[in-house]
């Protein structure tokens, strides 16, 4: 909460799961390639809740190529799934792959709920994403138990995002 920088900065492979991050000055979760990738070469970002950022032009979840890093430091596979993201500004996309250097990597984005109250078209930026499937995007927070801050992101009984990811071949063990 209220981090002066990124909420979580990632520099290698691994799993980022089950965090609630809000009111960061930059991204909630941001990956950089300025360290060796680690043995698994897979980065999974799942089941996190991110609620808005203060700084303009920072995606809530971001894959960023660092000129201080090496191409060989990039992870091979990125899985961003089943996160709930709420941005209140069109200048803060929900999910974004920020660099063409990721074009040769496997980037999967599915099963997320991405709300951008400033512009639903900014909820997920599809550039450099290889698999983009069954993400609920919108501009209204009315489907959550509490539609204003502080958000209770459990879905209401008639929320349009219910069962939106049905049919995806892979789900996290915990929701």
N, C-alpha and C. Protein backbone atom coordinates (compact mmCIF):
# COMPACT_ATOMS: atom_id res chain seq x y z
N UNK A 1 0.83 -1.18 0.00
CA UNK A 1 0.00 0.00 0.00
C UNK A 1 0.87 1.25 0.00
N UNK A 2 0.51 2.21 -0.86
CA UNK A 2 1.14 3.53 -0.88
C UNK A 2 2.66 3.48 -1.08
N UNK A 3 3.12 2.54 -1.92
CA UNK A 3 4.56 2.43 -2.20
C UNK A 3 5.02 3.63 -3.01
N UNK A 4 6.21 4.11 -2.73
CA UNK A 4 6.76 5.26 -3.44
C UNK A 4 7.29 4.91 -4.81
N UNK A 5 7.22 3.66 -5.21
CA UNK A 5 7.74 3.20 -6.49
C UNK A 5 6.77 2.13 -7.00
N UNK A 6 7.31 1.04 -7.59
CA UNK A 6 6.47 -0.08 -7.98
C UNK A 6 6.07 -0.85 -6.71
N UNK A 7 4.88 -1.42 -6.72
CA UNK A 7 4.46 -2.23 -5.59
C UNK A 7 5.33 -3.46 -5.46
N UNK A 8 5.48 -4.21 -6.56
CA UNK A 8 6.36 -5.38 -6.62
C UNK A 8 7.20 -5.25 -7.88
N UNK A 9 8.52 -5.30 -7.73
CA UNK A 9 9.44 -5.29 -8.87
C UNK A 9 10.00 -6.70 -9.02
N UNK A 10 9.89 -7.25 -10.21
CA UNK A 10 10.35 -8.61 -10.49
C UNK A 10 11.57 -8.54 -11.39
N UNK A 11 12.56 -9.35 -11.10
CA UNK A 11 13.78 -9.34 -11.89
C UNK A 11 14.20 -10.74 -12.35
N UNK A 12 13.34 -11.75 -12.14
CA UNK A 12 13.70 -13.11 -12.56
C UNK A 12 12.43 -13.93 -12.75
N UNK A 13 12.58 -15.22 -12.95
CA UNK A 13 11.43 -16.10 -13.09
C UNK A 13 10.85 -16.39 -11.71
N UNK A 14 9.67 -17.02 -11.69
CA UNK A 14 9.03 -17.36 -10.43
C UNK A 14 7.54 -17.14 -10.50
N UNK A 15 6.89 -17.08 -9.33
CA UNK A 15 5.45 -16.89 -9.25
C UNK A 15 5.14 -15.75 -8.30
N UNK A 16 4.31 -14.82 -8.76
CA UNK A 16 3.80 -13.72 -7.95
C UNK A 16 2.31 -13.99 -7.80
N UNK A 17 1.87 -14.34 -6.58
CA UNK A 17 0.50 -14.80 -6.40
C UNK A 17 -0.10 -14.27 -5.10
N UNK A 18 -1.39 -13.91 -5.18
CA UNK A 18 -2.17 -13.65 -3.98
C UNK A 18 -1.88 -12.35 -3.26
N UNK A 19 -1.42 -11.33 -3.97
CA UNK A 19 -1.12 -10.05 -3.35
C UNK A 19 -2.24 -9.05 -3.58
N UNK A 20 -2.42 -8.15 -2.63
CA UNK A 20 -3.31 -7.01 -2.82
C UNK A 20 -2.42 -5.78 -2.78
N UNK A 21 -2.42 -5.05 -3.89
CA UNK A 21 -1.52 -3.91 -4.07
C UNK A 21 -2.37 -2.71 -4.45
N UNK A 22 -2.20 -1.59 -3.77
CA UNK A 22 -2.98 -0.41 -4.14
C UNK A 22 -2.22 0.87 -3.84
N UNK A 23 -2.60 1.89 -4.60
CA UNK A 23 -2.07 3.25 -4.45
C UNK A 23 -0.55 3.31 -4.49
N UNK A 24 0.04 2.68 -5.51
CA UNK A 24 1.48 2.77 -5.72
C UNK A 24 1.78 4.00 -6.58
N UNK A 25 2.98 4.49 -6.49
CA UNK A 25 3.38 5.64 -7.31
C UNK A 25 3.64 5.24 -8.76
N UNK A 26 4.01 3.97 -8.98
CA UNK A 26 4.26 3.45 -10.32
C UNK A 26 3.38 2.22 -10.53
N UNK A 27 3.88 1.19 -11.17
CA UNK A 27 3.09 -0.01 -11.44
C UNK A 27 2.86 -0.82 -10.16
N UNK A 28 1.78 -1.58 -10.15
CA UNK A 28 1.55 -2.50 -9.04
C UNK A 28 2.56 -3.65 -9.12
N UNK A 29 2.70 -4.24 -10.31
CA UNK A 29 3.64 -5.35 -10.53
C UNK A 29 4.37 -5.06 -11.84
N UNK A 30 5.70 -5.01 -11.76
CA UNK A 30 6.47 -4.67 -12.97
C UNK A 30 7.69 -5.57 -13.07
N UNK A 31 7.86 -6.17 -14.25
CA UNK A 31 9.01 -7.03 -14.53
C UNK A 31 10.05 -6.26 -15.31
N UNK A 32 11.33 -6.46 -14.94
CA UNK A 32 12.48 -5.90 -15.65
C UNK A 32 13.46 -7.03 -15.95
N UNK A 33 14.22 -6.91 -17.00
CA UNK A 33 15.19 -7.94 -17.39
C UNK A 33 16.62 -7.57 -17.01
N UNK A 34 16.84 -6.93 -15.88
CA UNK A 34 18.18 -6.49 -15.54
C UNK A 34 18.93 -7.42 -14.59
N UNK A 35 18.44 -8.67 -14.44
CA UNK A 35 19.13 -9.72 -13.70
C UNK A 35 18.92 -11.03 -14.46
N UNK A 36 19.74 -12.04 -14.17
CA UNK A 36 19.56 -13.33 -14.81
C UNK A 36 18.17 -13.86 -14.53
N UNK A 37 17.60 -14.59 -15.48
CA UNK A 37 16.19 -14.96 -15.43
C UNK A 37 15.84 -16.01 -14.39
N UNK A 38 16.78 -16.78 -13.93
CA UNK A 38 16.48 -17.86 -12.99
C UNK A 38 16.30 -19.18 -13.73
N UNK A 39 16.27 -20.29 -13.00
CA UNK A 39 16.30 -21.61 -13.64
C UNK A 39 15.03 -22.00 -14.39
N UNK A 40 13.85 -21.56 -13.96
CA UNK A 40 12.63 -22.04 -14.60
C UNK A 40 12.34 -21.35 -15.92
N UNK A 41 12.80 -20.13 -16.10
CA UNK A 41 12.53 -19.33 -17.31
C UNK A 41 11.04 -19.09 -17.53
N UNK A 42 10.23 -19.23 -16.45
CA UNK A 42 8.79 -18.98 -16.50
C UNK A 42 8.44 -17.98 -15.41
N UNK A 43 7.68 -16.95 -15.76
CA UNK A 43 7.17 -15.99 -14.77
C UNK A 43 5.65 -16.07 -14.81
N UNK A 44 5.06 -16.41 -13.67
CA UNK A 44 3.60 -16.48 -13.55
C UNK A 44 3.15 -15.39 -12.58
N UNK A 45 2.20 -14.57 -13.04
CA UNK A 45 1.60 -13.52 -12.22
C UNK A 45 0.11 -13.85 -12.17
N UNK A 46 -0.38 -14.31 -10.98
CA UNK A 46 -1.76 -14.77 -10.90
C UNK A 46 -2.41 -14.45 -9.56
N UNK A 47 -3.73 -14.29 -9.63
CA UNK A 47 -4.56 -14.09 -8.44
C UNK A 47 -4.15 -12.91 -7.59
N UNK A 48 -3.72 -11.85 -8.21
CA UNK A 48 -3.40 -10.61 -7.50
C UNK A 48 -4.52 -9.61 -7.70
N UNK A 49 -4.65 -8.70 -6.75
CA UNK A 49 -5.61 -7.60 -6.87
C UNK A 49 -4.81 -6.32 -6.87
N UNK A 50 -5.04 -5.51 -7.89
CA UNK A 50 -4.35 -4.23 -8.01
C UNK A 50 -5.39 -3.15 -8.23
N UNK A 51 -5.32 -2.13 -7.42
CA UNK A 51 -6.33 -1.10 -7.46
C UNK A 51 -5.65 0.25 -7.64
N UNK A 52 -5.62 0.67 -8.88
CA UNK A 52 -5.20 1.99 -9.35
C UNK A 52 -3.75 2.36 -9.02
N UNK A 53 -3.24 3.36 -9.70
CA UNK A 53 -1.92 3.92 -9.42
C UNK A 53 -2.03 5.43 -9.45
N UNK A 54 -1.10 6.09 -8.78
CA UNK A 54 -1.09 7.55 -8.76
C UNK A 54 -0.34 8.13 -9.95
N UNK A 55 0.79 7.54 -10.32
CA UNK A 55 1.63 8.09 -11.38
C UNK A 55 1.04 7.85 -12.75
N UNK A 56 1.04 8.86 -13.62
CA UNK A 56 0.51 8.65 -14.98
C UNK A 56 1.43 7.78 -15.81
N UNK A 57 0.86 7.10 -16.77
CA UNK A 57 1.58 6.31 -17.76
C UNK A 57 2.27 5.06 -17.21
N UNK A 58 1.84 4.56 -16.08
CA UNK A 58 2.37 3.31 -15.55
C UNK A 58 1.28 2.25 -15.61
N UNK A 59 1.49 1.18 -16.40
CA UNK A 59 0.53 0.08 -16.42
C UNK A 59 0.47 -0.58 -15.03
N UNK A 60 -0.69 -1.14 -14.69
CA UNK A 60 -0.80 -1.79 -13.39
C UNK A 60 0.06 -3.05 -13.34
N UNK A 61 0.00 -3.88 -14.39
CA UNK A 61 0.92 -5.01 -14.54
C UNK A 61 1.68 -4.78 -15.83
N UNK A 62 3.01 -4.83 -15.74
CA UNK A 62 3.83 -4.42 -16.87
C UNK A 62 5.03 -5.34 -17.05
N UNK A 63 5.32 -5.66 -18.32
CA UNK A 63 6.59 -6.31 -18.68
C UNK A 63 7.41 -5.25 -19.40
N UNK A 64 8.53 -4.90 -18.82
CA UNK A 64 9.34 -3.79 -19.35
C UNK A 64 10.75 -4.27 -19.66
N UNK A 65 11.22 -3.95 -20.86
CA UNK A 65 12.60 -4.24 -21.24
C UNK A 65 13.49 -3.12 -20.74
N UNK A 66 14.49 -3.48 -19.98
CA UNK A 66 15.42 -2.49 -19.43
C UNK A 66 16.66 -2.41 -20.30
N UNK A 67 17.03 -1.21 -20.77
CA UNK A 67 18.26 -1.10 -21.55
C UNK A 67 19.51 -1.45 -20.75
N UNK A 68 19.38 -1.49 -19.42
CA UNK A 68 20.51 -1.90 -18.57
C UNK A 68 20.65 -3.42 -18.49
N UNK A 69 19.65 -4.14 -18.98
CA UNK A 69 19.66 -5.60 -18.94
C UNK A 69 20.13 -6.18 -20.26
N UNK A 70 20.07 -7.49 -20.36
CA UNK A 70 20.47 -8.21 -21.56
C UNK A 70 19.29 -8.98 -22.11
N UNK A 71 19.25 -9.18 -23.41
CA UNK A 71 18.21 -10.01 -24.02
C UNK A 71 18.23 -11.40 -23.40
N UNK A 72 19.41 -11.92 -23.12
CA UNK A 72 19.52 -13.27 -22.54
C UNK A 72 18.95 -13.35 -21.13
N UNK A 73 18.74 -12.22 -20.48
CA UNK A 73 18.14 -12.21 -19.14
C UNK A 73 16.61 -12.32 -19.18
N UNK A 74 16.01 -12.11 -20.35
CA UNK A 74 14.55 -12.20 -20.44
C UNK A 74 14.09 -13.62 -20.13
N UNK A 75 13.00 -13.72 -19.41
CA UNK A 75 12.33 -14.99 -19.17
C UNK A 75 11.73 -15.45 -20.50
N UNK A 76 11.59 -16.76 -20.71
CA UNK A 76 11.04 -17.26 -21.96
C UNK A 76 9.52 -17.24 -22.01
N UNK A 77 8.87 -17.54 -20.88
CA UNK A 77 7.41 -17.66 -20.82
C UNK A 77 6.85 -16.77 -19.72
N UNK A 78 5.81 -16.00 -20.08
CA UNK A 78 5.13 -15.10 -19.14
C UNK A 78 3.66 -15.48 -19.12
N UNK A 79 3.14 -15.77 -17.94
CA UNK A 79 1.73 -16.12 -17.79
C UNK A 79 1.11 -15.11 -16.83
N UNK A 80 0.17 -14.32 -17.33
CA UNK A 80 -0.53 -13.32 -16.51
C UNK A 80 -2.00 -13.73 -16.52
N UNK A 81 -2.47 -14.26 -15.38
CA UNK A 81 -3.82 -14.82 -15.38
C UNK A 81 -4.53 -14.61 -14.05
N UNK A 82 -5.84 -14.45 -14.15
CA UNK A 82 -6.76 -14.40 -13.02
C UNK A 82 -6.42 -13.32 -11.99
N UNK A 83 -5.98 -12.19 -12.49
CA UNK A 83 -5.76 -11.01 -11.66
C UNK A 83 -6.97 -10.10 -11.78
N UNK A 84 -7.22 -9.29 -10.76
CA UNK A 84 -8.28 -8.28 -10.81
C UNK A 84 -7.61 -6.92 -10.73
N UNK A 85 -7.84 -6.10 -11.75
CA UNK A 85 -7.16 -4.81 -11.88
C UNK A 85 -8.19 -3.69 -12.03
N UNK A 86 -8.01 -2.63 -11.26
CA UNK A 86 -8.89 -1.47 -11.35
C UNK A 86 -8.04 -0.22 -11.51
N UNK A 87 -8.17 0.42 -12.66
CA UNK A 87 -7.49 1.68 -12.92
C UNK A 87 -8.55 2.75 -13.14
N UNK A 88 -8.31 3.92 -12.57
CA UNK A 88 -9.28 5.01 -12.72
C UNK A 88 -8.79 6.08 -13.69
N UNK A 89 -7.79 5.74 -14.51
CA UNK A 89 -7.26 6.71 -15.46
C UNK A 89 -6.91 6.03 -16.78
N UNK A 90 -7.32 6.61 -17.89
CA UNK A 90 -6.97 6.07 -19.21
C UNK A 90 -5.46 6.07 -19.42
N UNK A 91 -4.72 6.87 -18.67
CA UNK A 91 -3.26 6.90 -18.84
C UNK A 91 -2.58 5.76 -18.08
N UNK A 92 -3.33 4.93 -17.36
CA UNK A 92 -2.78 3.78 -16.66
C UNK A 92 -3.42 2.50 -17.18
N UNK A 93 -2.85 1.88 -18.23
CA UNK A 93 -3.41 0.62 -18.73
C UNK A 93 -3.38 -0.45 -17.63
N UNK A 94 -4.26 -1.43 -17.75
CA UNK A 94 -4.28 -2.52 -16.79
C UNK A 94 -3.10 -3.45 -16.98
N UNK A 95 -2.95 -4.02 -18.18
CA UNK A 95 -1.85 -4.94 -18.49
C UNK A 95 -1.21 -4.45 -19.78
N UNK A 96 0.13 -4.41 -19.77
CA UNK A 96 0.84 -3.93 -20.97
C UNK A 96 2.23 -4.56 -21.05
N UNK A 97 2.56 -5.05 -22.25
CA UNK A 97 3.92 -5.46 -22.56
C UNK A 97 4.54 -4.26 -23.26
N UNK A 98 5.55 -3.67 -22.66
CA UNK A 98 6.00 -2.34 -23.07
C UNK A 98 7.06 -2.30 -24.16
N UNK A 99 7.58 -3.46 -24.59
CA UNK A 99 8.72 -3.41 -25.51
C UNK A 99 8.66 -4.51 -26.55
N UNK A 100 9.10 -4.22 -27.76
CA UNK A 100 9.11 -5.20 -28.85
C UNK A 100 10.07 -6.35 -28.58
N UNK A 101 10.98 -6.19 -27.64
CA UNK A 101 11.91 -7.27 -27.29
C UNK A 101 11.17 -8.51 -26.77
N UNK A 102 9.95 -8.36 -26.32
CA UNK A 102 9.16 -9.49 -25.83
C UNK A 102 8.47 -10.23 -26.97
N UNK A 103 8.54 -9.72 -28.19
CA UNK A 103 7.86 -10.33 -29.32
C UNK A 103 8.32 -11.76 -29.58
N UNK A 104 9.56 -12.07 -29.29
CA UNK A 104 10.08 -13.41 -29.51
C UNK A 104 9.82 -14.35 -28.32
N UNK A 105 9.19 -13.85 -27.28
CA UNK A 105 8.89 -14.64 -26.08
C UNK A 105 7.42 -15.08 -26.09
N UNK A 106 7.08 -15.99 -25.21
CA UNK A 106 5.70 -16.48 -25.11
C UNK A 106 5.00 -15.71 -23.99
N UNK A 107 4.08 -14.82 -24.35
CA UNK A 107 3.34 -14.02 -23.38
C UNK A 107 1.87 -14.41 -23.46
N UNK A 108 1.33 -14.94 -22.34
CA UNK A 108 -0.06 -15.36 -22.26
C UNK A 108 -0.79 -14.48 -21.24
N UNK A 109 -1.92 -13.95 -21.63
CA UNK A 109 -2.74 -13.11 -20.76
C UNK A 109 -4.18 -13.62 -20.87
N UNK A 110 -4.67 -14.24 -19.79
CA UNK A 110 -6.03 -14.78 -19.86
C UNK A 110 -6.69 -14.84 -18.48
N UNK A 111 -8.02 -14.80 -18.51
CA UNK A 111 -8.82 -14.96 -17.30
C UNK A 111 -8.76 -13.79 -16.32
N UNK A 112 -8.25 -12.65 -16.75
CA UNK A 112 -8.15 -11.49 -15.88
C UNK A 112 -9.43 -10.66 -15.92
N UNK A 113 -9.67 -9.92 -14.85
CA UNK A 113 -10.70 -8.88 -14.85
C UNK A 113 -9.95 -7.56 -14.82
N UNK A 114 -10.06 -6.81 -15.90
CA UNK A 114 -9.34 -5.55 -16.03
C UNK A 114 -10.33 -4.42 -16.27
N UNK A 115 -10.47 -3.56 -15.28
CA UNK A 115 -11.39 -2.43 -15.37
C UNK A 115 -10.56 -1.16 -15.48
N UNK A 116 -10.89 -0.33 -16.47
CA UNK A 116 -10.29 0.99 -16.58
C UNK A 116 -11.44 1.97 -16.72
N UNK A 117 -11.73 2.71 -15.64
CA UNK A 117 -12.89 3.60 -15.65
C UNK A 117 -12.69 4.80 -16.57
N UNK A 118 -11.45 5.07 -16.97
CA UNK A 118 -11.18 6.16 -17.90
C UNK A 118 -11.41 5.76 -19.34
N UNK A 119 -11.15 4.48 -19.68
CA UNK A 119 -11.32 3.99 -21.05
C UNK A 119 -11.18 2.47 -21.04
N UNK A 120 -12.26 1.75 -21.32
CA UNK A 120 -12.18 0.29 -21.31
C UNK A 120 -11.20 -0.24 -22.35
N UNK A 121 -10.91 0.53 -23.41
CA UNK A 121 -9.94 0.09 -24.41
C UNK A 121 -8.51 0.09 -23.86
N UNK A 122 -8.30 0.71 -22.72
CA UNK A 122 -6.98 0.74 -22.09
C UNK A 122 -6.83 -0.34 -21.01
N UNK A 123 -7.85 -1.18 -20.82
CA UNK A 123 -7.81 -2.20 -19.78
C UNK A 123 -6.67 -3.20 -20.02
N UNK A 124 -6.52 -3.65 -21.26
CA UNK A 124 -5.41 -4.54 -21.65
C UNK A 124 -4.93 -4.07 -23.02
N UNK A 125 -3.65 -3.78 -23.13
CA UNK A 125 -3.06 -3.38 -24.41
C UNK A 125 -2.53 -4.66 -25.07
N UNK A 126 -3.06 -5.08 -26.23
CA UNK A 126 -2.74 -6.40 -26.79
C UNK A 126 -1.38 -6.54 -27.48
N UNK A 127 -0.66 -5.47 -27.68
CA UNK A 127 0.61 -5.52 -28.40
C UNK A 127 1.61 -6.45 -27.71
N UNK A 128 2.25 -7.32 -28.47
CA UNK A 128 3.28 -8.27 -28.04
C UNK A 128 2.74 -9.38 -27.15
N UNK A 129 1.43 -9.57 -27.10
CA UNK A 129 0.84 -10.66 -26.35
C UNK A 129 0.51 -11.78 -27.34
N UNK A 130 1.01 -13.00 -27.07
CA UNK A 130 0.83 -14.12 -27.97
C UNK A 130 -0.51 -14.81 -27.79
N UNK A 131 -0.94 -14.93 -26.55
CA UNK A 131 -2.21 -15.59 -26.26
C UNK A 131 -3.02 -14.66 -25.38
N UNK A 132 -4.11 -14.14 -25.93
CA UNK A 132 -4.98 -13.20 -25.24
C UNK A 132 -6.39 -13.78 -25.28
N UNK A 133 -6.88 -14.26 -24.12
CA UNK A 133 -8.13 -15.01 -24.15
C UNK A 133 -8.94 -14.82 -22.87
N UNK A 134 -10.24 -14.69 -23.04
CA UNK A 134 -11.21 -14.72 -21.95
C UNK A 134 -10.86 -13.80 -20.78
N UNK A 135 -10.45 -12.60 -21.13
CA UNK A 135 -10.26 -11.55 -20.13
C UNK A 135 -11.52 -10.70 -20.13
N UNK A 136 -12.03 -10.38 -18.96
CA UNK A 136 -13.16 -9.47 -18.89
C UNK A 136 -12.60 -8.05 -18.78
N UNK A 137 -12.96 -7.20 -19.73
CA UNK A 137 -12.54 -5.80 -19.68
C UNK A 137 -13.77 -4.92 -19.66
N UNK A 138 -13.67 -3.79 -18.98
CA UNK A 138 -14.79 -2.88 -18.90
C UNK A 138 -14.38 -1.56 -18.27
N UNK A 139 -15.38 -0.73 -18.05
CA UNK A 139 -15.10 0.59 -17.47
C UNK A 139 -15.91 0.86 -16.20
N UNK A 140 -16.65 -0.13 -15.72
CA UNK A 140 -17.49 0.07 -14.54
C UNK A 140 -17.08 -0.87 -13.41
N UNK A 141 -17.08 -0.34 -12.20
CA UNK A 141 -16.78 -1.15 -11.01
C UNK A 141 -18.06 -1.65 -10.33
N UNK A 142 -19.21 -1.45 -10.95
CA UNK A 142 -20.48 -1.82 -10.34
C UNK A 142 -20.65 -3.31 -10.10
N UNK A 143 -19.85 -4.16 -10.73
CA UNK A 143 -20.01 -5.60 -10.54
C UNK A 143 -19.34 -6.11 -9.26
N UNK A 144 -18.59 -5.24 -8.60
CA UNK A 144 -17.93 -5.63 -7.36
C UNK A 144 -18.86 -5.38 -6.16
N UNK A 145 -18.64 -6.11 -5.08
CA UNK A 145 -19.46 -5.93 -3.87
C UNK A 145 -19.47 -4.46 -3.45
N UNK A 146 -18.28 -3.83 -3.49
CA UNK A 146 -18.19 -2.39 -3.23
C UNK A 146 -17.63 -1.74 -4.49
N UNK A 147 -18.42 -0.89 -5.14
CA UNK A 147 -18.04 -0.30 -6.41
C UNK A 147 -17.21 0.97 -6.30
N UNK A 148 -16.80 1.32 -5.09
CA UNK A 148 -15.94 2.49 -4.91
C UNK A 148 -14.90 2.16 -3.85
N UNK A 149 -13.87 3.00 -3.74
CA UNK A 149 -12.79 2.74 -2.79
C UNK A 149 -13.29 2.77 -1.36
N UNK A 150 -12.83 1.91 -0.50
CA UNK A 150 -11.97 0.76 -0.80
C UNK A 150 -12.80 -0.36 -1.43
N UNK A 151 -12.29 -0.92 -2.52
CA UNK A 151 -13.02 -1.92 -3.28
C UNK A 151 -13.02 -3.27 -2.55
N UNK A 152 -14.17 -3.90 -2.56
CA UNK A 152 -14.30 -5.31 -2.21
C UNK A 152 -14.55 -5.98 -3.55
N UNK A 153 -13.54 -6.63 -4.12
CA UNK A 153 -13.60 -7.09 -5.50
C UNK A 153 -14.29 -8.44 -5.68
N UNK A 154 -14.93 -8.93 -4.64
CA UNK A 154 -15.77 -10.10 -4.86
C UNK A 154 -16.90 -9.67 -5.80
N UNK A 155 -17.30 -10.58 -6.68
CA UNK A 155 -18.30 -10.24 -7.69
C UNK A 155 -19.71 -10.34 -7.13
N UNK A 156 -20.56 -9.42 -7.57
CA UNK A 156 -21.97 -9.47 -7.20
C UNK A 156 -22.62 -10.67 -7.91
N UNK A 157 -23.79 -11.00 -7.47
CA UNK A 157 -24.51 -12.16 -7.98
C UNK A 157 -24.72 -12.14 -9.50
N UNK A 158 -24.95 -10.97 -10.07
CA UNK A 158 -25.23 -10.85 -11.51
C UNK A 158 -24.07 -10.23 -12.28
N UNK A 159 -22.88 -10.27 -11.75
CA UNK A 159 -21.73 -9.64 -12.41
C UNK A 159 -21.46 -10.27 -13.78
N UNK A 160 -21.23 -9.46 -14.80
CA UNK A 160 -20.98 -10.01 -16.14
C UNK A 160 -19.66 -10.79 -16.24
N UNK A 161 -18.77 -10.64 -15.29
CA UNK A 161 -17.50 -11.35 -15.34
C UNK A 161 -17.60 -12.79 -14.82
N UNK A 162 -18.72 -13.15 -14.20
CA UNK A 162 -18.89 -14.51 -13.68
C UNK A 162 -18.81 -15.49 -14.85
N UNK A 163 -18.01 -16.53 -14.68
CA UNK A 163 -17.80 -17.60 -15.68
C UNK A 163 -17.20 -17.09 -16.98
N UNK A 164 -16.63 -15.91 -17.00
CA UNK A 164 -16.08 -15.35 -18.22
C UNK A 164 -14.90 -16.17 -18.73
N UNK A 165 -14.15 -16.82 -17.84
CA UNK A 165 -12.97 -17.59 -18.25
C UNK A 165 -13.29 -19.07 -18.50
N UNK A 166 -14.55 -19.44 -18.45
CA UNK A 166 -14.93 -20.83 -18.71
C UNK A 166 -14.36 -21.27 -20.06
N UNK A 167 -13.74 -22.43 -20.05
CA UNK A 167 -13.17 -22.96 -21.29
C UNK A 167 -11.66 -22.81 -21.38
N UNK A 168 -11.08 -22.02 -20.50
CA UNK A 168 -9.61 -21.92 -20.50
C UNK A 168 -9.02 -23.27 -20.10
N UNK A 169 -7.93 -23.69 -20.73
CA UNK A 169 -7.38 -25.01 -20.45
C UNK A 169 -6.60 -25.11 -19.13
N UNK A 170 -6.24 -23.97 -18.55
CA UNK A 170 -5.40 -24.03 -17.35
C UNK A 170 -5.85 -22.96 -16.35
N UNK A 171 -6.08 -23.40 -15.11
CA UNK A 171 -6.52 -22.51 -14.04
C UNK A 171 -5.55 -22.64 -12.87
N UNK A 172 -5.41 -21.58 -12.07
CA UNK A 172 -4.62 -21.72 -10.83
C UNK A 172 -5.32 -22.71 -9.88
N UNK A 173 -4.55 -23.31 -8.98
CA UNK A 173 -5.13 -24.23 -8.00
C UNK A 173 -6.01 -23.50 -6.99
N UNK A 174 -5.71 -22.23 -6.72
CA UNK A 174 -6.45 -21.44 -5.74
C UNK A 174 -7.00 -20.21 -6.44
N UNK A 175 -8.28 -19.89 -6.17
CA UNK A 175 -8.88 -18.69 -6.73
C UNK A 175 -9.16 -17.72 -5.60
